Amino acid sequence: MAKKSAVERDLKRRRMADKYAAKRAELKAISKNEELPQEERFAARLKLAALPRNSSKTRLRNRCELTGRPRGVYRKLKLSRIGLRDMASNGQIPGMVKSSW
């Protein structure tokens, strides 16, 4: 089980990224627009830099929904390899059986 503080920190980052997503996209579009004057693009970059760091999507971490484990997470299932194996062994995932030979 991951530390509760780490899981909560990631949830906080996710909420912040959702909150600022539209504003970040708007400022990025302005800063990349070559038709605008350079001063306006630079001002957009400064405003973008003034936003909280945790509002960036790149600071999010894929974590297991069950345990909060940060590594070995299958994106499609949002489960870590360990949680997936436990659920498959208990028969909680339809069509998945633990291999044995």
PDB file of N, CA and C in Angstrom:
ATOM      1  N   MET A   1       0.847  -1.180   0.000  1.00  0.00           N
ATOM      2  CA  MET A   1       0.000   0.000   0.000  1.00  0.00           C
ATOM      3  C   MET A   1       0.893   1.244   0.000  1.00  0.00           C
ATOM      4  N   ALA A   2       0.578   2.169  -0.880  1.00  0.00           N
ATOM      5  CA  ALA A   2       1.360   3.399  -0.971  1.00  0.00           C
ATOM      6  C   ALA A   2       1.010   4.328   0.189  1.00  0.00           C
ATOM      7  N   LYS A   3       1.900   5.270   0.439  1.00  0.00           N
ATOM      8  CA  LYS A   3       1.636   6.247   1.496  1.00  0.00           C
ATOM      9  C   LYS A   3       0.396   7.061   1.127  1.00  0.00           C
ATOM     10  N   LYS A   4      -0.430   7.283   2.097  1.00  0.00           N
ATOM     11  CA  LYS A   4      -1.663   8.027   1.853  1.00  0.00           C
ATOM     12  C   LYS A   4      -1.361   9.453   1.389  1.00  0.00           C
ATOM     13  N   SER A   5      -0.282  10.031   1.911  1.00  0.00           N
ATOM     14  CA  SER A   5       0.074  11.394   1.522  1.00  0.00           C
ATOM     15  C   SER A   5       0.442  11.477   0.045  1.00  0.00           C
ATOM     16  N   ALA A   6       1.116  10.446  -0.482  1.00  0.00           N
ATOM     17  CA  ALA A   6       1.506  10.444  -1.892  1.00  0.00           C
ATOM     18  C   ALA A   6       0.277  10.325  -2.791  1.00  0.00           C
ATOM     19  N   VAL A   7      -0.671   9.491  -2.384  1.00  0.00           N
ATOM     20  CA  VAL A   7      -1.898   9.316  -3.162  1.00  0.00           C
ATOM     21  C   VAL A   7      -2.706  10.613  -3.149  1.00  0.00           C
ATOM     22  N   GLU A   8      -2.818  11.231  -1.975  1.00  0.00           N
ATOM     23  CA  GLU A   8      -3.567  12.482  -1.856  1.00  0.00           C
ATOM     24  C   GLU A   8      -2.902  13.606  -2.643  1.00  0.00           C
ATOM     25  N   ARG A   9      -1.584  13.647  -2.653  1.00  0.00           N
ATOM     26  CA  ARG A   9      -0.852  14.658  -3.413  1.00  0.00           C
ATOM     27  C   ARG A   9      -1.158  14.524  -4.903  1.00  0.00           C
ATOM     28  N   ASP A  10      -1.204  13.272  -5.375  1.00  0.00           N
ATOM     29  CA  ASP A  10      -1.501  13.050  -6.781  1.00  0.00           C
ATOM     30  C   ASP A  10      -2.943  13.451  -7.095  1.00  0.00           C
ATOM     31  N   LEU A  11      -3.864  13.171  -6.198  1.00  0.00           N
ATOM     32  CA  LEU A  11      -5.260  13.576  -6.414  1.00  0.00           C
ATOM     33  C   LEU A  11      -5.380  15.101  -6.460  1.00  0.00           C
ATOM     34  N   LYS A  12      -4.635  15.762  -5.602  1.00  0.00           N
ATOM     35  CA  LYS A  12      -4.629  17.228  -5.588  1.00  0.00           C
ATOM     36  C   LYS A  12      -4.111  17.762  -6.922  1.00  0.00           C
ATOM     37  N   ARG A  13      -3.047  17.140  -7.441  1.00  0.00           N
ATOM     38  CA  ARG A  13      -2.486  17.549  -8.728  1.00  0.00           C
ATOM     39  C   ARG A  13      -3.490  17.326  -9.851  1.00  0.00           C
ATOM     40  N   ARG A  14      -4.225  16.216  -9.793  1.00  0.00           N
ATOM     41  CA  ARG A  14      -5.231  15.933 -10.827  1.00  0.00           C
ATOM     42  C   ARG A  14      -6.340  16.980 -10.823  1.00  0.00           C
ATOM     43  N   ARG A  15      -6.796  17.343  -9.626  1.00  0.00           N
ATOM     44  CA  ARG A  15      -7.838  18.374  -9.523  1.00  0.00           C
ATOM     45  C   ARG A  15      -7.331  19.707 -10.060  1.00  0.00           C
ATOM     46  N   MET A  16      -6.091  20.045  -9.731  1.00  0.00           N
ATOM     47  CA  MET A  16      -5.517  21.308 -10.167  1.00  0.00           C
ATOM     48  C   MET A  16      -5.304  21.315 -11.682  1.00  0.00           C
ATOM     49  N   ALA A  17      -4.886  20.183 -12.238  1.00  0.00           N
ATOM     50  CA  ALA A  17      -4.682  20.092 -13.687  1.00  0.00           C
ATOM     51  C   ALA A  17      -6.010  20.267 -14.419  1.00  0.00           C
ATOM     52  N   ASP A  18      -7.088  19.699 -13.879  1.00  0.00           N
ATOM     53  CA  ASP A  18      -8.406  19.861 -14.493  1.00  0.00           C
ATOM     54  C   ASP A  18      -8.877  21.315 -14.399  1.00  0.00           C
ATOM     55  N   LYS A  19      -8.594  21.933 -13.274  1.00  0.00           N
ATOM     56  CA  LYS A  19      -9.035  23.308 -13.045  1.00  0.00           C
ATOM     57  C   LYS A  19      -8.375  24.282 -14.028  1.00  0.00           C
ATOM     58  N   TYR A  20      -7.073  24.110 -14.268  1.00  0.00           N
ATOM     59  CA  TYR A  20      -6.315  25.046 -15.091  1.00  0.00           C
ATOM     60  C   TYR A  20      -6.134  24.588 -16.541  1.00  0.00           C
ATOM     61  N   ALA A  21      -6.740  23.477 -16.937  1.00  0.00           N
ATOM     62  CA  ALA A  21      -6.507  22.923 -18.275  1.00  0.00           C
ATOM     63  C   ALA A  21      -6.881  23.903 -19.387  1.00  0.00           C
ATOM     64  N   ALA A  22      -8.040  24.529 -19.270  1.00  0.00           N
ATOM     65  CA  ALA A  22      -8.493  25.444 -20.323  1.00  0.00           C
ATOM     66  C   ALA A  22      -7.581  26.667 -20.409  1.00  0.00           C
ATOM     67  N   LYS A  23      -7.221  27.221 -19.269  1.00  0.00           N
ATOM     68  CA  LYS A  23      -6.367  28.416 -19.244  1.00  0.00           C
ATOM     69  C   LYS A  23      -4.978  28.097 -19.813  1.00  0.00           C
ATOM     70  N   ARG A  24      -4.436  26.925 -19.450  1.00  0.00           N
ATOM     71  CA  ARG A  24      -3.123  26.527 -19.966  1.00  0.00           C
ATOM     72  C   ARG A  24      -3.173  26.346 -21.478  1.00  0.00           C
ATOM     73  N   ALA A  25      -4.237  25.705 -21.974  1.00  0.00           N
ATOM     74  CA  ALA A  25      -4.359  25.473 -23.416  1.00  0.00           C
ATOM     75  C   ALA A  25      -4.462  26.804 -24.170  1.00  0.00           C
ATOM     76  N   GLU A  26      -5.212  27.734 -23.608  1.00  0.00           N
ATOM     77  CA  GLU A  26      -5.367  29.051 -24.243  1.00  0.00           C
ATOM     78  C   GLU A  26      -4.031  29.791 -24.303  1.00  0.00           C
ATOM     79  N   LEU A  27      -3.291  29.792 -23.193  1.00  0.00           N
ATOM     80  CA  LEU A  27      -1.995  30.488 -23.160  1.00  0.00           C
ATOM     81  C   LEU A  27      -0.975  29.808 -24.073  1.00  0.00           C
ATOM     82  N   LYS A  28      -1.004  28.491 -24.141  1.00  0.00           N
ATOM     83  CA  LYS A  28      -0.084  27.770 -25.033  1.00  0.00           C
ATOM     84  C   LYS A  28      -0.373  28.101 -26.492  1.00  0.00           C
ATOM     85  N   ALA A  29      -1.678  28.182 -26.831  1.00  0.00           N
ATOM     86  CA  ALA A  29      -2.049  28.500 -28.209  1.00  0.00           C
ATOM     87  C   ALA A  29      -1.570  29.897 -28.579  1.00  0.00           C
ATOM     88  N   ILE A  30      -1.694  30.842 -27.657  1.00  0.00           N
ATOM     89  CA  ILE A  30      -1.222  32.212 -27.919  1.00  0.00           C
ATOM     90  C   ILE A  30       0.290  32.234 -28.088  1.00  0.00           C
ATOM     91  N   SER A  31       0.997  31.516 -27.216  1.00  0.00           N
ATOM     92  CA  SER A  31       2.462  31.558 -27.274  1.00  0.00           C
ATOM     93  C   SER A  31       3.027  30.853 -28.508  1.00  0.00           C
ATOM     94  N   LYS A  32       2.271  29.915 -29.091  1.00  0.00           N
ATOM     95  CA  LYS A  32       2.750  29.211 -30.283  1.00  0.00           C
ATOM     96  C   LYS A  32       2.317  29.856 -31.597  1.00  0.00           C
ATOM     97  N   ASN A  33       1.398  30.820 -31.520  1.00  0.00           N
ATOM     98  CA  ASN A  33       0.875  31.472 -32.717  1.00  0.00           C
ATOM     99  C   ASN A  33       1.926  32.435 -33.291  1.00  0.00           C
ATOM    100  N   GLU A  34       2.462  32.091 -34.447  1.00  0.00           N
ATOM    101  CA  GLU A  34       3.524  32.883 -35.077  1.00  0.00           C
ATOM    102  C   GLU A  34       3.004  34.204 -35.656  1.00  0.00           C
ATOM    103  N   GLU A  35       1.694  34.316 -35.874  1.00  0.00           N
ATOM    104  CA  GLU A  35       1.132  35.515 -36.485  1.00  0.00           C
ATOM    105  C   GLU A  35       1.020  36.672 -35.492  1.00  0.00           C
ATOM    106  N   LEU A  36       1.009  36.366 -34.201  1.00  0.00           N
ATOM    107  CA  LEU A  36       0.916  37.403 -33.177  1.00  0.00           C
ATOM    108  C   LEU A  36       2.270  38.072 -32.976  1.00  0.00           C
ATOM    109  N   PRO A  37       2.282  39.312 -32.468  1.00  0.00           N
ATOM    110  CA  PRO A  37       3.564  39.972 -32.192  1.00  0.00           C
ATOM    111  C   PRO A  37       4.339  39.250 -31.082  1.00  0.00           C
ATOM    112  N   GLN A  38       5.624  39.378 -31.131  1.00  0.00           N
ATOM    113  CA  GLN A  38       6.508  38.673 -30.205  1.00  0.00           C
ATOM    114  C   GLN A  38       6.250  39.076 -28.754  1.00  0.00           C
ATOM    115  N   GLU A  39       5.930  40.344 -28.505  1.00  0.00           N
ATOM    116  CA  GLU A  39       5.689  40.809 -27.131  1.00  0.00           C
ATOM    117  C   GLU A  39       4.474  40.107 -26.529  1.00  0.00           C
ATOM    118  N   GLU A  40       3.429  39.946 -27.345  1.00  0.00           N
ATOM    119  CA  GLU A  40       2.206  39.289 -26.858  1.00  0.00           C
ATOM    120  C   GLU A  40       2.459  37.811 -26.559  1.00  0.00           C
ATOM    121  N   ARG A  41       3.234  37.163 -27.421  1.00  0.00           N
ATOM    122  CA  ARG A  41       3.567  35.747 -27.191  1.00  0.00           C
ATOM    123  C   ARG A  41       4.419  35.590 -25.940  1.00  0.00           C
ATOM    124  N   PHE A  42       5.360  36.517 -25.738  1.00  0.00           N
ATOM    125  CA  PHE A  42       6.218  36.465 -24.558  1.00  0.00           C
ATOM    126  C   PHE A  42       5.399  36.689 -23.283  1.00  0.00           C
ATOM    127  N   ALA A  43       4.440  37.608 -23.347  1.00  0.00           N
ATOM    128  CA  ALA A  43       3.565  37.864 -22.190  1.00  0.00           C
ATOM    129  C   ALA A  43       2.746  36.626 -21.855  1.00  0.00           C
ATOM    130  N   ALA A  44       2.299  35.899 -22.884  1.00  0.00           N
ATOM    131  CA  ALA A  44       1.541  34.655 -22.655  1.00  0.00           C
ATOM    132  C   ALA A  44       2.427  33.608 -21.988  1.00  0.00           C
ATOM    133  N   ARG A  45       3.689  33.554 -22.393  1.00  0.00           N
ATOM    134  CA  ARG A  45       4.616  32.599 -21.767  1.00  0.00           C
ATOM    135  C   ARG A  45       4.864  32.948 -20.300  1.00  0.00           C
ATOM    136  N   LEU A  46       4.950  34.246 -20.004  1.00  0.00           N
ATOM    137  CA  LEU A  46       5.131  34.666 -18.608  1.00  0.00           C
ATOM    138  C   LEU A  46       3.909  34.310 -17.759  1.00  0.00           C
ATOM    139  N   LYS A  47       2.720  34.494 -18.324  1.00  0.00           N
ATOM    140  CA  LYS A  47       1.491  34.133 -17.603  1.00  0.00           C
ATOM    141  C   LYS A  47       1.431  32.626 -17.387  1.00  0.00           C
ATOM    142  N   LEU A  48       1.879  31.872 -18.382  1.00  0.00           N
ATOM    143  CA  LEU A  48       1.901  30.416 -18.269  1.00  0.00           C
ATOM    144  C   LEU A  48       2.871  29.976 -17.172  1.00  0.00           C
ATOM    145  N   ALA A  49       3.998  30.645 -17.083  1.00  0.00           N
ATOM    146  CA  ALA A  49       4.988  30.318 -16.060  1.00  0.00           C
ATOM    147  C   ALA A  49       4.506  30.715 -14.674  1.00  0.00           C
ATOM    148  N   ALA A  50       3.591  31.692 -14.600  1.00  0.00           N
ATOM    149  CA  ALA A  50       3.072  32.144 -13.308  1.00  0.00           C
ATOM    150  C   ALA A  50       2.025  31.202 -12.735  1.00  0.00           C
ATOM    151  N   LEU A  51       1.474  30.322 -13.568  1.00  0.00           N
ATOM    152  CA  LEU A  51       0.494  29.349 -13.071  1.00  0.00           C
ATOM    153  C   LEU A  51       1.180  28.347 -12.137  1.00  0.00           C
ATOM    154  N   PRO A  52       0.422  27.714 -11.247  1.00  0.00           N
ATOM    155  CA  PRO A  52       1.035  26.729 -10.345  1.00  0.00           C
ATOM    156  C   PRO A  52       1.678  25.575 -11.114  1.00  0.00           C
ATOM    157  N   ARG A  53       2.803  25.108 -10.627  1.00  0.00           N
ATOM    158  CA  ARG A  53       3.503  24.004 -11.295  1.00  0.00           C
ATOM    159  C   ARG A  53       2.666  22.733 -11.324  1.00  0.00           C
ATOM    160  N   ASN A  54       1.946  22.496 -10.247  1.00  0.00           N
ATOM    161  CA  ASN A  54       1.157  21.266 -10.161  1.00  0.00           C
ATOM    162  C   ASN A  54      -0.061  21.274 -11.069  1.00  0.00           C
ATOM    163  N   SER A  55      -0.292  22.363 -11.797  1.00  0.00           N
ATOM    164  CA  SER A  55      -1.418  22.390 -12.723  1.00  0.00           C
ATOM    165  C   SER A  55      -1.037  21.796 -14.080  1.00  0.00           C
ATOM    166  N   SER A  56       0.217  21.395 -14.226  1.00  0.00           N
ATOM    167  CA  SER A  56       0.684  20.796 -15.470  1.00  0.00           C
ATOM    168  C   SER A  56       0.341  19.311 -15.509  1.00  0.00           C
ATOM    169  N   LYS A  57      -0.092  18.843 -16.692  1.00  0.00           N
ATOM    170  CA  LYS A  57      -0.459  17.432 -16.853  1.00  0.00           C
ATOM    171  C   LYS A  57       0.747  16.509 -16.705  1.00  0.00           C
ATOM    172  N   THR A  58       1.940  17.003 -16.992  1.00  0.00           N
ATOM    173  CA  THR A  58       3.117  16.148 -16.953  1.00  0.00           C
ATOM    174  C   THR A  58       3.519  15.772 -15.532  1.00  0.00           C
ATOM    175  N   ARG A  59       2.978  16.453 -14.529  1.00  0.00           N
ATOM    176  CA  ARG A  59       3.328  16.147 -13.147  1.00  0.00           C
ATOM    177  C   ARG A  59       2.436  15.064 -12.548  1.00  0.00           C
ATOM    178  N   LEU A  60       1.470  14.564 -13.336  1.00  0.00           N
ATOM    179  CA  LEU A  60       0.589  13.505 -12.847  1.00  0.00           C
ATOM    180  C   LEU A  60       1.303  12.163 -12.934  1.00  0.00           C
ATOM    181  N   ARG A  61       0.928  11.262 -12.053  1.00  0.00           N
ATOM    182  CA  ARG A  61       1.548   9.940 -11.994  1.00  0.00           C
ATOM    183  C   ARG A  61       0.448   8.891 -12.084  1.00  0.00           C
ATOM    184  N   ASN A  62       0.637   7.893 -12.942  1.00  0.00           N
ATOM    185  CA  ASN A  62      -0.325   6.794 -13.002  1.00  0.00           C
ATOM    186  C   ASN A  62      -0.179   5.960 -11.744  1.00  0.00           C
ATOM    187  N   ARG A  63      -1.287   5.774 -11.028  1.00  0.00           N
ATOM    188  CA  ARG A  63      -1.261   4.999  -9.799  1.00  0.00           C
ATOM    189  C   ARG A  63      -2.351   3.944  -9.834  1.00  0.00           C
ATOM    190  N   CYS A  64      -2.110   2.845  -9.127  1.00  0.00           N
ATOM    191  CA  CYS A  64      -3.080   1.762  -9.015  1.00  0.00           C
ATOM    192  C   CYS A  64      -4.302   2.258  -8.240  1.00  0.00           C
ATOM    193  N   GLU A  65      -5.500   1.929  -8.733  1.00  0.00           N
ATOM    194  CA  GLU A  65      -6.734   2.345  -8.063  1.00  0.00           C
ATOM    195  C   GLU A  65      -6.919   1.616  -6.731  1.00  0.00           C
ATOM    196  N   LEU A  66      -6.403   0.405  -6.634  1.00  0.00           N
ATOM    197  CA  LEU A  66      -6.561  -0.379  -5.400  1.00  0.00           C
ATOM    198  C   LEU A  66      -5.575   0.034  -4.316  1.00  0.00           C
ATOM    199  N   THR A  67      -4.305   0.032  -4.674  1.00  0.00           N
ATOM    200  CA  THR A  67      -3.261   0.189  -3.670  1.00  0.00           C
ATOM    201  C   THR A  67      -2.551   1.531  -3.708  1.00  0.00           C
ATOM    202  N   GLY A  68      -2.628   2.232  -4.830  1.00  0.00           N
ATOM    203  CA  GLY A  68      -1.903   3.489  -4.964  1.00  0.00           C
ATOM    204  C   GLY A  68      -0.470   3.297  -5.418  1.00  0.00           C
ATOM    205  N   ARG A  69      -0.111   2.066  -5.758  1.00  0.00           N
ATOM    206  CA  ARG A  69       1.254   1.763  -6.201  1.00  0.00           C
ATOM    207  C   ARG A  69       1.580   2.548  -7.472  1.00  0.00           C
ATOM    208  N   PRO A  70       2.755   3.239  -7.515  1.00  0.00           N
ATOM    209  CA  PRO A  70       3.065   4.080  -8.659  1.00  0.00           C
ATOM    210  C   PRO A  70       3.731   3.361  -9.832  1.00  0.00           C
ATOM    211  N   ARG A  71       4.218   2.150  -9.618  1.00  0.00           N
ATOM    212  CA  ARG A  71       4.955   1.467 -10.681  1.00  0.00           C
ATOM    213  C   ARG A  71       4.233   0.205 -11.124  1.00  0.00           C
ATOM    214  N   GLY A  72       4.459  -0.174 -12.364  1.00  0.00           N
ATOM    215  CA  GLY A  72       3.880  -1.396 -12.891  1.00  0.00           C
ATOM    216  C   GLY A  72       2.373  -1.304 -13.037  1.00  0.00           C
ATOM    217  N   VAL A  73       1.874  -0.147 -13.488  1.00  0.00           N
ATOM    218  CA  VAL A  73       0.436   0.073 -13.596  1.00  0.00           C
ATOM    219  C   VAL A  73       0.007  -0.087 -15.049  1.00  0.00           C
ATOM    220  N   TYR A  74      -1.024  -0.934 -15.277  1.00  0.00           N
ATOM    221  CA  TYR A  74      -1.615  -1.089 -16.597  1.00  0.00           C
ATOM    222  C   TYR A  74      -2.594   0.059 -16.806  1.00  0.00           C
ATOM    223  N   ARG A  75      -2.373   0.844 -17.846  1.00  0.00           N
ATOM    224  CA  ARG A  75      -3.191   2.039 -18.074  1.00  0.00           C
ATOM    225  C   ARG A  75      -4.653   1.684 -18.324  1.00  0.00           C
ATOM    226  N   LYS A  76      -4.875   0.651 -19.101  1.00  0.00           N
ATOM    227  CA  LYS A  76      -6.235   0.299 -19.491  1.00  0.00           C
ATOM    228  C   LYS A  76      -7.083  -0.096 -18.277  1.00  0.00           C
ATOM    229  N   LEU A  77      -6.487  -0.813 -17.344  1.00  0.00           N
ATOM    230  CA  LEU A  77      -7.224  -1.308 -16.179  1.00  0.00           C
ATOM    231  C   LEU A  77      -7.059  -0.431 -14.948  1.00  0.00           C
ATOM    232  N   LYS A  78      -6.064   0.467 -14.971  1.00  0.00           N
ATOM    233  CA  LYS A  78      -5.727   1.321 -13.829  1.00  0.00           C
ATOM    234  C   LYS A  78      -5.415   0.493 -12.583  1.00  0.00           C
ATOM    235  N   LEU A  79      -4.750  -0.649 -12.803  1.00  0.00           N
ATOM    236  CA  LEU A  79      -4.342  -1.536 -11.715  1.00  0.00           C
ATOM    237  C   LEU A  79      -2.864  -1.856 -11.856  1.00  0.00           C
ATOM    238  N   SER A  80      -2.205  -2.052 -10.726  1.00  0.00           N
ATOM    239  CA  SER A  80      -0.805  -2.465 -10.779  1.00  0.00           C
ATOM    240  C   SER A  80      -0.749  -3.954 -11.114  1.00  0.00           C
ATOM    241  N   ARG A  81       0.423  -4.411 -11.480  1.00  0.00           N
ATOM    242  CA  ARG A  81       0.587  -5.820 -11.848  1.00  0.00           C
ATOM    243  C   ARG A  81       0.242  -6.734 -10.684  1.00  0.00           C
ATOM    244  N   ILE A  82       0.547  -6.290  -9.475  1.00  0.00           N
ATOM    245  CA  ILE A  82       0.281  -7.106  -8.285  1.00  0.00           C
ATOM    246  C   ILE A  82      -1.223  -7.162  -7.996  1.00  0.00           C
ATOM    247  N   GLY A  83      -1.869  -5.997  -8.060  1.00  0.00           N
ATOM    248  CA  GLY A  83      -3.314  -5.946  -7.834  1.00  0.00           C
ATOM    249  C   GLY A  83      -4.071  -6.721  -8.896  1.00  0.00           C
ATOM    250  N   LEU A  84      -3.593  -6.646 -10.133  1.00  0.00           N
ATOM    251  CA  LEU A  84      -4.222  -7.383 -11.228  1.00  0.00           C
ATOM    252  C   LEU A  84      -4.119  -8.882 -11.000  1.00  0.00           C
ATOM    253  N   ARG A  85      -2.948  -9.334 -10.564  1.00  0.00           N
ATOM    254  CA  ARG A  85      -2.747 -10.767 -10.323  1.00  0.00           C
ATOM    255  C   ARG A  85      -3.631 -11.261  -9.184  1.00  0.00           C
ATOM    256  N   ASP A  86      -3.734 -10.480  -8.116  1.00  0.00           N
ATOM    257  CA  ASP A  86      -4.589 -10.869  -6.994  1.00  0.00           C
ATOM    258  C   ASP A  86      -6.052 -10.957  -7.410  1.00  0.00           C
ATOM    259  N   MET A  87      -6.508  -9.967  -8.153  1.00  0.00           N
ATOM    260  CA  MET A  87      -7.907  -9.972  -8.587  1.00  0.00           C
ATOM    261  C   MET A  87      -8.175 -11.122  -9.553  1.00  0.00           C
ATOM    262  N   ALA A  88      -7.209 -11.420 -10.440  1.00  0.00           N
ATOM    263  CA  ALA A  88      -7.374 -12.523 -11.383  1.00  0.00           C
ATOM    264  C   ALA A  88      -7.396 -13.857 -10.638  1.00  0.00           C
ATOM    265  N   SER A  89      -6.567 -14.011  -9.616  1.00  0.00           N
ATOM    266  CA  SER A  89      -6.530 -15.251  -8.845  1.00  0.00           C
ATOM    267  C   SER A  89      -7.838 -15.467  -8.079  1.00  0.00           C
ATOM    268  N   ASN A  90      -8.444 -14.372  -7.637  1.00  0.00           N
ATOM    269  CA  ASN A  90      -9.716 -14.467  -6.912  1.00  0.00           C
ATOM    270  C   ASN A  90     -10.918 -14.565  -7.839  1.00  0.00           C
ATOM    271  N   GLY A  91     -10.682 -14.482  -9.151  1.00  0.00           N
ATOM    272  CA  GLY A  91     -11.765 -14.592 -10.121  1.00  0.00           C
ATOM    273  C   GLY A  91     -12.606 -13.336 -10.230  1.00  0.00           C
ATOM    274  N   GLN A  92     -12.053 -12.185  -9.890  1.00  0.00           N
ATOM    275  CA  GLN A  92     -12.815 -10.945  -9.923  1.00  0.00           C
ATOM    276  C   GLN A  92     -12.736 -10.228 -11.264  1.00  0.00           C
ATOM    277  N   ILE A  93     -11.864 -10.713 -12.152  1.00  0.00           N
ATOM    278  CA  ILE A  93     -11.768 -10.132 -13.493  1.00  0.00           C
ATOM    279  C   ILE A  93     -12.254 -11.180 -14.474  1.00  0.00           C
ATOM    280  N   PRO A  94     -13.380 -10.927 -15.161  1.00  0.00           N
ATOM    281  CA  PRO A  94     -13.949 -11.924 -16.054  1.00  0.00           C
ATOM    282  C   PRO A  94     -13.011 -12.274 -17.204  1.00  0.00           C
ATOM    283  N   GLY A  95     -12.870 -13.553 -17.471  1.00  0.00           N
ATOM    284  CA  GLY A  95     -12.080 -14.030 -18.589  1.00  0.00           C
ATOM    285  C   GLY A  95     -10.592 -14.124 -18.320  1.00  0.00           C
ATOM    286  N   MET A  96     -10.131 -13.737 -17.146  1.00  0.00           N
ATOM    287  CA  MET A  96      -8.713 -13.768 -16.844  1.00  0.00           C
ATOM    288  C   MET A  96      -8.443 -14.855 -15.818  1.00  0.00           C
ATOM    289  N   VAL A  97      -7.517 -15.748 -16.153  1.00  0.00           N
ATOM    290  CA  VAL A  97      -7.170 -16.845 -15.260  1.00  0.00           C
ATOM    291  C   VAL A  97      -5.656 -16.824 -15.056  1.00  0.00           C
ATOM    292  N   LYS A  98      -5.216 -17.093 -13.845  1.00  0.00           N
ATOM    293  CA  LYS A  98      -3.792 -17.155 -13.570  1.00  0.00           C
ATOM    294  C   LYS A  98      -3.224 -18.388 -14.264  1.00  0.00           C
ATOM    295  N   SER A  99      -2.139 -18.193 -14.953  1.00  0.00           N
ATOM    296  CA  SER A  99      -1.535 -19.275 -15.706  1.00  0.00           C
ATOM    297  C   SER A  99      -0.824 -20.259 -14.777  1.00  0.00           C
ATOM    298  N   SER A 100      -0.954 -21.526 -15.076  1.00  0.00           N
ATOM    299  CA  SER A 100      -0.224 -22.553 -14.318  1.00  0.00           C
ATOM    300  C   SER A 100       0.052 -23.721 -15.242  1.00  0.00           C
ATOM    301  N   TRP A 101       1.267 -24.282 -15.172  1.00  0.00           N
ATOM    302  CA  TRP A 101       1.616 -25.426 -16.016  1.00  0.00           C
ATOM    303  C   TRP A 101       2.557 -26.349 -15.331  1.00  0.00           C
TER     304      TRP A 101
END
